[in-house]
N, C-alpha and C. Protein backbone atom coordinates (compact mmCIF):
# COMPACT_ATOMS: atom_id res chain seq x y z
N MET A 1 23.67 19.13 -10.31
CA MET A 1 22.72 18.12 -9.35
C MET A 1 21.26 19.21 -9.15
N THR A 2 20.41 19.23 -9.53
CA THR A 2 19.38 19.82 -8.75
C THR A 2 18.86 19.39 -7.85
N VAL A 3 18.14 19.83 -6.32
CA VAL A 3 17.62 19.01 -5.61
C VAL A 3 16.47 19.99 -5.80
N ARG A 4 15.26 19.34 -5.69
CA ARG A 4 13.69 19.90 -5.43
C ARG A 4 12.99 18.60 -4.06
N PRO A 5 12.41 19.55 -3.93
CA PRO A 5 11.59 19.11 -2.83
C PRO A 5 10.62 17.84 -3.44
N LEU A 6 10.24 16.54 -2.80
CA LEU A 6 10.28 15.84 -2.84
C LEU A 6 8.51 15.99 -3.47
N GLY A 7 7.53 17.08 -2.71
CA GLY A 7 6.49 17.26 -3.13
C GLY A 7 6.38 17.38 -4.39
N GLU A 8 7.30 18.01 -5.34
CA GLU A 8 7.47 18.44 -6.44
C GLU A 8 7.46 17.00 -7.29
N VAL A 9 7.66 16.69 -7.05
CA VAL A 9 8.15 15.34 -8.15
C VAL A 9 7.71 13.99 -8.00
N ILE A 10 6.44 14.20 -7.07
CA ILE A 10 5.35 13.13 -6.57
C ILE A 10 3.96 13.37 -6.17
N ASP A 11 3.18 12.68 -6.04
CA ASP A 11 2.13 13.00 -6.05
C ASP A 11 1.80 12.18 -4.67
N PHE A 12 1.18 12.72 -3.34
CA PHE A 12 1.24 11.77 -2.85
C PHE A 12 -0.54 11.69 -2.57
N ARG A 13 -0.59 10.23 -2.48
CA ARG A 13 -2.58 9.54 -2.61
C ARG A 13 -2.35 8.69 -0.88
N ASN A 14 -3.19 9.47 -0.30
CA ASN A 14 -4.46 8.81 0.94
C ASN A 14 -5.22 8.96 0.83
N GLU A 15 -6.02 7.38 -0.25
CA GLU A 15 -6.88 7.19 -0.25
C GLU A 15 -7.17 6.07 1.05
N ILE A 16 -8.22 6.44 1.51
CA ILE A 16 -9.04 4.74 2.65
C ILE A 16 -10.50 4.45 2.37
N VAL A 17 -10.12 3.08 2.67
CA VAL A 17 -11.01 2.28 2.28
C VAL A 17 -11.45 2.37 4.38
N HIS A 18 -12.62 2.42 4.46
CA HIS A 18 -12.71 1.36 5.69
C HIS A 18 -14.73 0.84 5.94
N PRO A 19 -14.23 0.22 6.75
CA PRO A 19 -15.69 -0.28 7.32
C PRO A 19 -17.04 -0.24 6.91
N LYS A 20 -16.90 1.50 7.89
CA LYS A 20 -18.48 2.17 7.72
C LYS A 20 -18.89 2.66 6.20
N ASP A 21 -17.68 2.49 5.39
CA ASP A 21 -18.31 2.75 4.35
C ASP A 21 -19.08 1.95 3.33
N ARG A 22 -19.51 0.38 3.86
CA ARG A 22 -19.69 -0.75 3.31
C ARG A 22 -19.09 -0.67 1.90
N PRO A 23 -17.93 -1.15 1.47
CA PRO A 23 -17.23 -1.59 0.57
C PRO A 23 -17.99 -3.04 0.51
N GLN A 24 -17.90 -3.10 -0.87
CA GLN A 24 -18.26 -4.65 -1.08
C GLN A 24 -17.27 -5.39 -2.72
N GLY A 25 -16.95 -6.05 -2.37
CA GLY A 25 -16.26 -7.12 -3.69
C GLY A 25 -14.69 -7.54 -3.16
N PRO A 26 -14.31 -8.74 -3.86
CA PRO A 26 -12.92 -8.62 -3.64
C PRO A 26 -12.32 -7.91 -4.04
N VAL A 27 -10.70 -7.47 -3.20
CA VAL A 27 -10.03 -7.35 -3.87
C VAL A 27 -8.39 -7.78 -2.71
N THR A 28 -7.35 -7.21 -3.81
CA THR A 28 -5.81 -7.88 -3.52
C THR A 28 -5.70 -6.54 -2.19
N PHE A 29 -5.12 -7.54 -0.81
CA PHE A 29 -3.99 -6.75 0.26
C PHE A 29 -2.80 -7.42 -0.11
N VAL A 30 -2.30 -6.11 0.13
CA VAL A 30 -0.50 -6.44 0.43
C VAL A 30 -0.30 -5.59 1.52
N GLY A 31 0.03 -6.47 2.36
CA GLY A 31 0.51 -5.89 4.27
C GLY A 31 2.32 -5.96 3.80
N LEU A 32 2.49 -5.34 4.83
CA LEU A 32 4.30 -5.66 5.39
C LEU A 32 4.49 -6.48 5.23
N GLU A 33 4.03 -7.95 5.79
CA GLU A 33 4.75 -9.19 5.85
C GLU A 33 4.24 -9.43 4.53
N HIS A 34 4.18 -8.94 3.41
CA HIS A 34 4.66 -9.57 1.90
C HIS A 34 5.94 -8.42 1.57
N ILE A 35 6.11 -8.07 2.14
CA ILE A 35 6.83 -7.49 1.53
C ILE A 35 8.48 -6.90 1.26
N GLU A 36 9.43 -8.11 0.42
CA GLU A 36 10.92 -7.90 1.12
C GLU A 36 12.03 -7.05 1.98
N SER A 37 12.77 -6.84 3.17
CA SER A 37 13.08 -5.66 3.81
C SER A 37 14.31 -5.62 2.41
N ASN A 38 14.64 -3.89 2.23
CA ASN A 38 15.52 -3.37 1.40
C ASN A 38 15.26 -4.23 -0.07
N THR A 39 14.85 -4.88 -0.36
CA THR A 39 14.84 -5.47 -1.77
C THR A 39 13.64 -4.92 -2.67
N GLY A 40 12.49 -4.36 -2.56
CA GLY A 40 10.86 -3.74 -2.83
C GLY A 40 10.66 -5.14 -3.84
N VAL A 41 10.85 -6.38 -3.46
CA VAL A 41 10.11 -8.08 -3.77
C VAL A 41 8.79 -8.04 -3.08
N ARG A 42 8.05 -8.53 -4.06
CA ARG A 42 6.42 -8.52 -2.90
C ARG A 42 6.70 -10.23 -3.28
N LEU A 43 6.31 -11.07 -1.82
CA LEU A 43 6.61 -12.01 -1.90
C LEU A 43 5.10 -12.95 -1.97
N GLY A 44 4.14 -11.97 -1.73
CA GLY A 44 3.04 -12.80 -1.91
C GLY A 44 1.60 -11.55 -1.67
N ALA A 45 0.34 -12.49 -1.27
CA ALA A 45 -0.24 -11.17 -1.52
C ALA A 45 -2.21 -11.99 -0.86
N ASP A 46 -3.23 -11.74 -0.29
CA ASP A 46 -3.98 -11.97 0.22
C ASP A 46 -5.38 -11.74 -0.82
N LEU A 47 -6.01 -12.41 -1.28
CA LEU A 47 -6.97 -11.68 -2.13
C LEU A 47 -7.91 -12.30 -0.39
N ILE A 48 -8.84 -10.58 -0.23
CA ILE A 48 -9.94 -10.30 0.84
C ILE A 48 -11.08 -9.88 0.17
N GLN A 49 -12.26 -10.27 1.24
CA GLN A 49 -13.97 -9.98 0.55
C GLN A 49 -13.33 -8.41 1.20
N LEU A 50 -13.95 -7.39 0.80
CA LEU A 50 -14.21 -5.81 1.39
C LEU A 50 -14.74 -5.75 2.64
N GLU A 51 -16.16 -6.70 2.06
CA GLU A 51 -17.33 -6.44 2.70
C GLU A 51 -17.23 -7.00 4.62
N GLU A 52 -15.69 -8.26 4.34
CA GLU A 52 -15.32 -8.71 5.62
C GLU A 52 -13.96 -8.50 6.55
N MET A 53 -13.64 -6.79 5.88
CA MET A 53 -12.68 -5.98 6.63
C MET A 53 -12.61 -5.39 7.48
N THR A 54 -11.42 -5.46 9.20
CA THR A 54 -12.44 -4.90 9.78
C THR A 54 -11.82 -3.80 10.20
N GLY A 55 -10.53 -2.98 9.49
CA GLY A 55 -9.53 -2.25 9.84
C GLY A 55 -10.19 -1.10 8.63
N ARG A 56 -9.58 0.24 8.60
CA ARG A 56 -9.31 0.61 7.36
C ARG A 56 -8.04 0.16 6.69
N ARG A 57 -8.23 1.01 5.19
CA ARG A 57 -6.74 0.04 4.99
C ARG A 57 -6.73 1.21 3.20
N ALA A 58 -5.45 1.22 3.20
CA ALA A 58 -5.00 2.46 1.77
C ALA A 58 -5.52 1.44 0.39
N ARG A 59 -5.42 2.59 -0.04
CA ARG A 59 -5.78 2.04 -1.67
C ARG A 59 -4.84 2.78 -1.74
N PHE A 60 -3.83 1.33 -3.21
CA PHE A 60 -3.07 2.03 -4.02
C PHE A 60 -3.46 1.43 -5.92
N SER A 61 -2.83 2.15 -6.39
CA SER A 61 -2.55 1.94 -8.01
C SER A 61 -1.91 1.21 -8.74
N LYS A 62 -1.96 0.53 -9.52
CA LYS A 62 -0.32 0.37 -10.33
C LYS A 62 0.69 1.26 -10.22
N GLY A 63 1.67 1.02 -10.85
CA GLY A 63 3.17 1.80 -10.40
C GLY A 63 3.19 2.66 -8.89
N ASP A 64 2.14 2.75 -8.31
CA ASP A 64 2.40 3.66 -7.43
C ASP A 64 3.56 3.21 -5.71
N ILE A 65 4.70 3.91 -5.67
CA ILE A 65 5.10 3.87 -4.50
C ILE A 65 4.71 3.18 -3.49
N VAL A 66 4.36 2.15 -2.33
CA VAL A 66 4.01 1.67 -1.73
C VAL A 66 4.48 1.30 -0.37
N TYR A 67 5.03 2.00 0.91
CA TYR A 67 6.01 2.22 1.31
C TYR A 67 5.73 1.88 3.34
N GLY A 68 5.75 0.99 3.81
CA GLY A 68 5.49 0.58 4.99
C GLY A 68 6.54 1.44 6.35
N TYR A 69 6.23 2.62 6.86
CA TYR A 69 6.32 2.90 7.79
C TYR A 69 6.38 2.65 9.53
N LEU A 70 5.82 1.34 9.73
CA LEU A 70 5.83 1.73 10.67
C LEU A 70 7.56 1.03 11.65
N ARG A 71 7.81 0.44 10.92
CA ARG A 71 9.31 0.37 11.06
C ARG A 71 10.53 1.14 9.83
N PRO A 72 10.92 2.08 9.86
CA PRO A 72 11.45 2.60 8.85
C PRO A 72 12.79 1.71 8.43
N TYR A 73 13.20 1.35 9.49
CA TYR A 73 14.72 0.27 9.77
C TYR A 73 14.24 -0.57 8.64
N LEU A 74 13.19 -1.57 8.65
CA LEU A 74 13.05 -2.96 7.84
C LEU A 74 13.11 -1.30 6.09
N ASN A 75 12.80 -1.03 6.25
CA ASN A 75 13.27 -0.60 4.25
C ASN A 75 11.89 -1.11 3.61
N LYS A 76 10.51 -1.70 3.80
CA LYS A 76 9.84 -2.01 2.94
C LYS A 76 8.89 -1.35 1.89
N VAL A 77 9.66 -1.36 0.30
CA VAL A 77 9.12 -0.14 -0.45
C VAL A 77 8.76 -0.65 -1.49
N TRP A 78 8.06 -0.70 -1.85
CA TRP A 78 7.33 -1.77 -3.47
C TRP A 78 6.92 -0.70 -4.39
N ILE A 79 6.95 -1.35 -5.50
CA ILE A 79 6.48 -0.19 -6.56
C ILE A 79 4.95 -1.51 -7.52
N ALA A 80 3.80 -1.07 -7.24
CA ALA A 80 2.63 -1.54 -6.78
C ALA A 80 2.80 -2.12 -8.70
N GLU A 81 2.35 -3.54 -8.67
CA GLU A 81 2.27 -3.84 -10.03
C GLU A 81 0.51 -4.24 -10.67
N PHE A 82 -0.31 -3.62 -9.29
CA PHE A 82 -1.93 -3.76 -9.94
C PHE A 82 -2.25 -2.75 -8.60
N ASP A 83 -3.62 -2.68 -9.12
CA ASP A 83 -4.91 -2.15 -7.55
C ASP A 83 -5.11 -3.00 -6.53
N GLY A 84 -5.15 -2.17 -5.82
CA GLY A 84 -5.66 -3.19 -4.71
C GLY A 84 -5.37 -2.42 -3.64
N ILE A 85 -5.35 -2.98 -2.10
CA ILE A 85 -5.35 -1.98 -1.03
C ILE A 85 -4.31 -2.26 -0.30
N CYS A 86 -3.41 -1.62 1.03
CA CYS A 86 -2.43 -1.86 1.82
C CYS A 86 -3.24 -1.73 3.63
N SER A 87 -1.99 -2.14 4.21
CA SER A 87 -1.97 -1.58 5.22
C SER A 87 -1.58 -0.65 5.33
N VAL A 88 -2.45 0.48 6.51
CA VAL A 88 -2.18 1.79 6.68
C VAL A 88 -0.97 1.86 7.98
N ASP A 89 -0.61 1.22 8.15
CA ASP A 89 1.30 1.02 8.33
C ASP A 89 2.86 1.36 7.10
């Protein structure tokens, strides 16, 4: 088995959507509350208007691995099925 650094096998994405940039339109939001612990199952999502957003959010694309690091012991990891935004946690 060959062990390689994580940075060699993934591309880290950190695109932030910020209210000060005045984003517009509807987008699907997936938060930590929408991901089941230990399974990778998405339990839901919210459709929000970007112009009503009060804090910054991370943008993800279909196929991205979305990982919630706020409480790592909860093991909230999901492979995105669509483009959207998520919590920065």
